[in-house]
């Protein structure tokens, strides 16, 4: 759950880093726009399903070294946002991308 991984909350951006207990982003369903989104080194993260309401990110979108997060999750997020993810490295999970 998200309450264990939100490291830098702000009205404009989200930075989720280095939380081995974070498995998904439930709790962010009401977020519709951000100025930036960075998710890194969350080894248990398997799903971006909590971002279902996110319609736009004006600035940088980056995902790095979330070893359990399937690459197809980022492709689905990019399609949802109508723009590419700016940085994608080390997201190598093999799970289901049914979001």
N, C-alpha and C. Protein backbone atom coordinates (compact mmCIF):
# COMPACT_ATOMS: atom_id res chain seq x y z
N UNK A 1 0.84 -1.19 0.00
CA UNK A 1 0.00 0.00 0.00
C UNK A 1 0.88 1.25 0.00
N UNK A 2 0.34 2.30 -0.52
CA UNK A 2 1.07 3.53 -0.74
C UNK A 2 1.57 4.20 0.53
N UNK A 3 0.86 4.10 1.62
CA UNK A 3 1.27 4.83 2.81
C UNK A 3 2.69 4.49 3.25
N UNK A 4 3.24 3.39 2.78
CA UNK A 4 4.59 3.01 3.16
C UNK A 4 5.65 3.57 2.21
N UNK A 5 5.26 4.21 1.10
CA UNK A 5 6.27 4.57 0.13
C UNK A 5 6.30 5.99 -0.35
N UNK A 6 5.38 6.83 0.07
CA UNK A 6 5.35 8.21 -0.40
C UNK A 6 6.45 8.98 0.30
N UNK A 7 7.50 9.33 -0.47
CA UNK A 7 8.63 9.99 0.16
C UNK A 7 8.60 11.49 -0.02
N UNK A 8 8.01 11.98 -1.10
CA UNK A 8 7.97 13.42 -1.32
C UNK A 8 6.60 13.83 -1.87
N UNK A 9 5.60 13.98 -1.00
CA UNK A 9 4.30 14.42 -1.49
C UNK A 9 4.33 15.91 -1.78
N UNK A 10 3.67 16.31 -2.83
CA UNK A 10 3.52 17.74 -3.13
C UNK A 10 2.29 17.90 -4.00
N UNK A 11 1.77 19.10 -4.09
CA UNK A 11 0.59 19.30 -4.92
C UNK A 11 0.89 19.15 -6.41
N UNK A 12 2.16 19.14 -6.77
CA UNK A 12 2.49 19.12 -8.19
C UNK A 12 3.20 17.87 -8.66
N UNK A 13 3.85 17.15 -7.79
CA UNK A 13 4.60 15.98 -8.23
C UNK A 13 4.66 14.91 -7.17
N UNK A 14 5.05 13.71 -7.59
CA UNK A 14 5.18 12.58 -6.68
C UNK A 14 6.51 11.90 -6.93
N UNK A 15 7.21 11.58 -5.83
CA UNK A 15 8.49 10.90 -5.85
C UNK A 15 8.37 9.71 -4.91
N UNK A 16 8.39 8.50 -5.45
CA UNK A 16 8.31 7.28 -4.64
C UNK A 16 9.61 6.52 -4.80
N UNK A 17 10.38 6.41 -3.73
CA UNK A 17 11.70 5.79 -3.85
C UNK A 17 12.03 4.84 -2.71
N UNK A 18 12.72 3.78 -3.07
CA UNK A 18 13.41 2.89 -2.13
C UNK A 18 12.52 2.33 -1.03
N UNK A 19 11.41 1.74 -1.41
CA UNK A 19 10.54 1.13 -0.42
C UNK A 19 10.31 -0.32 -0.81
N UNK A 20 10.92 -1.23 -0.09
CA UNK A 20 10.83 -2.65 -0.40
C UNK A 20 9.46 -3.25 -0.09
N UNK A 21 8.58 -2.51 0.60
CA UNK A 21 7.25 -3.01 0.94
C UNK A 21 6.15 -2.49 0.03
N UNK A 22 6.47 -1.55 -0.83
CA UNK A 22 5.46 -0.96 -1.73
C UNK A 22 5.17 -1.94 -2.87
N UNK A 23 3.92 -2.44 -2.94
CA UNK A 23 3.56 -3.41 -3.97
C UNK A 23 2.70 -2.83 -5.07
N UNK A 24 2.00 -1.74 -4.78
CA UNK A 24 1.14 -1.11 -5.78
C UNK A 24 0.95 0.36 -5.41
N UNK A 25 0.20 1.07 -6.22
CA UNK A 25 -0.01 2.50 -5.97
C UNK A 25 -1.45 2.82 -5.59
N UNK A 26 -2.11 1.82 -4.98
CA UNK A 26 -3.46 2.07 -4.47
C UNK A 26 -3.42 3.25 -3.52
N UNK A 27 -4.43 4.09 -3.62
CA UNK A 27 -4.48 5.30 -2.81
C UNK A 27 -4.28 6.55 -3.65
N UNK A 28 -3.81 6.37 -4.88
CA UNK A 28 -3.61 7.52 -5.77
C UNK A 28 -4.70 7.61 -6.86
N UNK A 29 -5.74 6.85 -6.72
CA UNK A 29 -6.78 6.81 -7.75
C UNK A 29 -7.38 8.18 -8.06
N UNK A 30 -7.42 9.07 -7.09
CA UNK A 30 -8.01 10.39 -7.29
C UNK A 30 -7.08 11.42 -7.92
N UNK A 31 -5.83 11.07 -8.11
CA UNK A 31 -4.87 11.99 -8.72
C UNK A 31 -5.11 11.99 -10.23
N UNK A 32 -5.39 13.18 -10.78
CA UNK A 32 -5.67 13.28 -12.21
C UNK A 32 -4.58 13.97 -13.01
N UNK A 33 -3.79 14.81 -12.36
CA UNK A 33 -2.69 15.47 -13.07
C UNK A 33 -1.54 15.75 -12.12
N UNK A 34 -0.34 15.74 -12.69
CA UNK A 34 0.88 15.99 -11.94
C UNK A 34 1.83 16.82 -12.79
N UNK A 35 2.78 17.47 -12.14
CA UNK A 35 3.83 18.14 -12.89
C UNK A 35 4.98 17.18 -13.15
N UNK A 36 5.18 16.19 -12.27
CA UNK A 36 6.21 15.18 -12.49
C UNK A 36 5.87 13.92 -11.70
N UNK A 37 6.44 12.79 -12.14
CA UNK A 37 6.24 11.51 -11.47
C UNK A 37 7.54 10.72 -11.56
N UNK A 38 8.07 10.32 -10.41
CA UNK A 38 9.30 9.54 -10.37
C UNK A 38 9.11 8.37 -9.41
N UNK A 39 9.34 7.15 -9.89
CA UNK A 39 9.17 5.94 -9.10
C UNK A 39 10.43 5.11 -9.29
N UNK A 40 11.18 4.87 -8.21
CA UNK A 40 12.46 4.18 -8.34
C UNK A 40 12.78 3.29 -7.15
N UNK A 41 13.42 2.18 -7.43
CA UNK A 41 13.98 1.27 -6.44
C UNK A 41 12.95 0.76 -5.43
N UNK A 42 11.78 0.45 -5.94
CA UNK A 42 10.73 -0.16 -5.13
C UNK A 42 10.64 -1.62 -5.58
N UNK A 43 11.43 -2.48 -4.95
CA UNK A 43 11.65 -3.84 -5.45
C UNK A 43 10.40 -4.72 -5.48
N UNK A 44 9.40 -4.43 -4.67
CA UNK A 44 8.19 -5.25 -4.63
C UNK A 44 7.05 -4.68 -5.48
N UNK A 45 7.25 -3.53 -6.10
CA UNK A 45 6.18 -2.89 -6.88
C UNK A 45 5.86 -3.74 -8.12
N UNK A 46 4.60 -4.18 -8.22
CA UNK A 46 4.19 -5.03 -9.33
C UNK A 46 3.10 -4.42 -10.19
N UNK A 47 2.51 -3.30 -9.76
CA UNK A 47 1.36 -2.74 -10.46
C UNK A 47 1.29 -1.23 -10.33
N UNK A 48 0.83 -0.59 -11.41
CA UNK A 48 0.57 0.85 -11.40
C UNK A 48 -0.93 1.13 -11.37
N UNK A 49 -1.72 0.14 -10.97
CA UNK A 49 -3.17 0.24 -11.00
C UNK A 49 -3.71 1.46 -10.27
N UNK A 50 -3.07 1.95 -9.25
CA UNK A 50 -3.54 3.11 -8.51
C UNK A 50 -3.50 4.40 -9.31
N UNK A 51 -2.83 4.38 -10.46
CA UNK A 51 -2.76 5.58 -11.30
C UNK A 51 -3.88 5.62 -12.34
N UNK A 52 -4.92 4.87 -12.12
CA UNK A 52 -6.03 4.75 -13.08
C UNK A 52 -6.66 6.10 -13.43
N UNK A 53 -6.65 7.06 -12.52
CA UNK A 53 -7.26 8.36 -12.79
C UNK A 53 -6.31 9.39 -13.38
N UNK A 54 -5.03 9.06 -13.46
CA UNK A 54 -4.04 10.01 -13.95
C UNK A 54 -4.21 10.26 -15.44
N UNK A 55 -4.49 11.51 -15.79
CA UNK A 55 -4.73 11.87 -17.19
C UNK A 55 -3.57 12.63 -17.82
N UNK A 56 -2.77 13.32 -17.00
CA UNK A 56 -1.65 14.07 -17.58
C UNK A 56 -0.53 14.29 -16.58
N UNK A 57 0.69 14.28 -17.11
CA UNK A 57 1.88 14.66 -16.37
C UNK A 57 2.59 15.66 -17.27
N UNK A 58 2.67 16.88 -16.81
CA UNK A 58 3.22 17.96 -17.64
C UNK A 58 4.72 17.86 -17.82
N UNK A 59 5.42 17.38 -16.80
CA UNK A 59 6.88 17.31 -16.85
C UNK A 59 7.38 15.89 -16.97
N UNK A 60 8.42 15.62 -16.27
CA UNK A 60 9.17 14.39 -16.37
C UNK A 60 8.44 13.21 -15.75
N UNK A 61 8.49 12.06 -16.45
CA UNK A 61 7.96 10.80 -15.94
C UNK A 61 9.10 9.78 -15.99
N UNK A 62 9.49 9.26 -14.83
CA UNK A 62 10.59 8.32 -14.79
C UNK A 62 10.33 7.13 -13.89
N UNK A 63 10.77 5.96 -14.35
CA UNK A 63 10.66 4.72 -13.59
C UNK A 63 12.01 4.03 -13.68
N UNK A 64 12.60 3.70 -12.54
CA UNK A 64 13.93 3.13 -12.53
C UNK A 64 14.08 2.04 -11.47
N UNK A 65 14.57 0.89 -11.90
CA UNK A 65 14.94 -0.19 -10.99
C UNK A 65 13.83 -0.64 -10.05
N UNK A 66 12.64 -0.77 -10.59
CA UNK A 66 11.52 -1.39 -9.88
C UNK A 66 11.48 -2.83 -10.42
N UNK A 67 12.29 -3.69 -9.83
CA UNK A 67 12.59 -5.01 -10.39
C UNK A 67 11.39 -5.92 -10.60
N UNK A 68 10.30 -5.72 -9.89
CA UNK A 68 9.12 -6.57 -10.04
C UNK A 68 8.05 -5.97 -10.94
N UNK A 69 8.30 -4.75 -11.43
CA UNK A 69 7.31 -4.06 -12.26
C UNK A 69 7.48 -4.46 -13.73
N UNK A 70 6.45 -5.05 -14.34
CA UNK A 70 6.55 -5.45 -15.74
C UNK A 70 6.65 -4.24 -16.67
N UNK A 71 7.47 -4.37 -17.68
CA UNK A 71 7.66 -3.32 -18.68
C UNK A 71 6.33 -2.92 -19.33
N UNK A 72 5.44 -3.88 -19.52
CA UNK A 72 4.16 -3.58 -20.16
C UNK A 72 3.31 -2.62 -19.31
N UNK A 73 3.55 -2.55 -18.01
CA UNK A 73 2.84 -1.58 -17.17
C UNK A 73 3.18 -0.15 -17.58
N UNK A 74 4.43 0.07 -17.95
CA UNK A 74 4.85 1.41 -18.38
C UNK A 74 4.30 1.73 -19.76
N UNK A 75 4.22 0.74 -20.62
CA UNK A 75 3.62 0.95 -21.94
C UNK A 75 2.14 1.32 -21.79
N UNK A 76 1.46 0.66 -20.86
CA UNK A 76 0.05 0.97 -20.62
C UNK A 76 -0.11 2.37 -20.05
N UNK A 77 0.78 2.77 -19.15
CA UNK A 77 0.72 4.13 -18.58
C UNK A 77 0.98 5.17 -19.68
N UNK A 78 1.95 4.92 -20.54
CA UNK A 78 2.24 5.84 -21.63
C UNK A 78 1.01 6.00 -22.54
N UNK A 79 0.34 4.92 -22.83
CA UNK A 79 -0.87 4.99 -23.66
C UNK A 79 -1.97 5.77 -22.94
N UNK A 80 -2.11 5.55 -21.66
CA UNK A 80 -3.11 6.25 -20.85
C UNK A 80 -2.85 7.76 -20.86
N UNK A 81 -1.58 8.14 -20.75
CA UNK A 81 -1.20 9.56 -20.71
C UNK A 81 -1.13 10.19 -22.10
N UNK A 82 -1.03 9.37 -23.13
CA UNK A 82 -0.91 9.88 -24.49
C UNK A 82 0.47 10.48 -24.75
N UNK A 83 1.48 9.95 -24.04
CA UNK A 83 2.86 10.44 -24.20
C UNK A 83 3.82 9.37 -23.68
N UNK A 84 5.05 9.40 -24.12
CA UNK A 84 6.00 8.39 -23.65
C UNK A 84 6.48 8.66 -22.22
N UNK A 85 6.96 7.62 -21.60
CA UNK A 85 7.65 7.74 -20.32
C UNK A 85 9.05 8.25 -20.65
N UNK A 86 9.52 9.27 -19.94
CA UNK A 86 10.81 9.89 -20.25
C UNK A 86 12.00 9.01 -19.89
N UNK A 87 11.90 8.28 -18.80
CA UNK A 87 13.01 7.43 -18.39
C UNK A 87 12.46 6.10 -17.90
N UNK A 88 13.02 5.02 -18.44
CA UNK A 88 12.57 3.68 -18.12
C UNK A 88 13.79 2.76 -18.13
N UNK A 89 14.19 2.30 -16.96
CA UNK A 89 15.36 1.43 -16.86
C UNK A 89 15.22 0.49 -15.68
N UNK A 90 15.47 -0.79 -15.91
CA UNK A 90 15.51 -1.76 -14.81
C UNK A 90 14.16 -2.17 -14.27
N UNK A 91 13.10 -1.96 -15.04
CA UNK A 91 11.76 -2.39 -14.64
C UNK A 91 11.50 -3.71 -15.38
N UNK A 92 11.85 -4.83 -14.73
CA UNK A 92 11.97 -6.08 -15.45
C UNK A 92 11.05 -7.19 -14.94
N UNK A 93 10.01 -6.86 -14.25
CA UNK A 93 9.10 -7.87 -13.73
C UNK A 93 8.41 -8.63 -14.84
N UNK A 94 7.88 -9.79 -14.51
CA UNK A 94 7.25 -10.64 -15.51
C UNK A 94 5.77 -10.86 -15.23
N UNK A 95 5.18 -10.07 -14.38
CA UNK A 95 3.79 -10.25 -13.99
C UNK A 95 2.78 -9.82 -15.04
N UNK A 96 1.52 -9.89 -14.67
CA UNK A 96 0.41 -9.53 -15.53
C UNK A 96 0.28 -8.02 -15.63
N UNK A 97 -0.01 -7.53 -16.84
CA UNK A 97 -0.16 -6.10 -17.05
C UNK A 97 -1.61 -5.71 -17.23
N UNK A 98 -2.51 -6.42 -16.62
CA UNK A 98 -3.92 -6.13 -16.72
C UNK A 98 -4.31 -4.85 -15.99
N UNK A 99 -3.35 -4.16 -15.40
CA UNK A 99 -3.53 -2.90 -14.66
C UNK A 99 -4.75 -3.07 -13.80
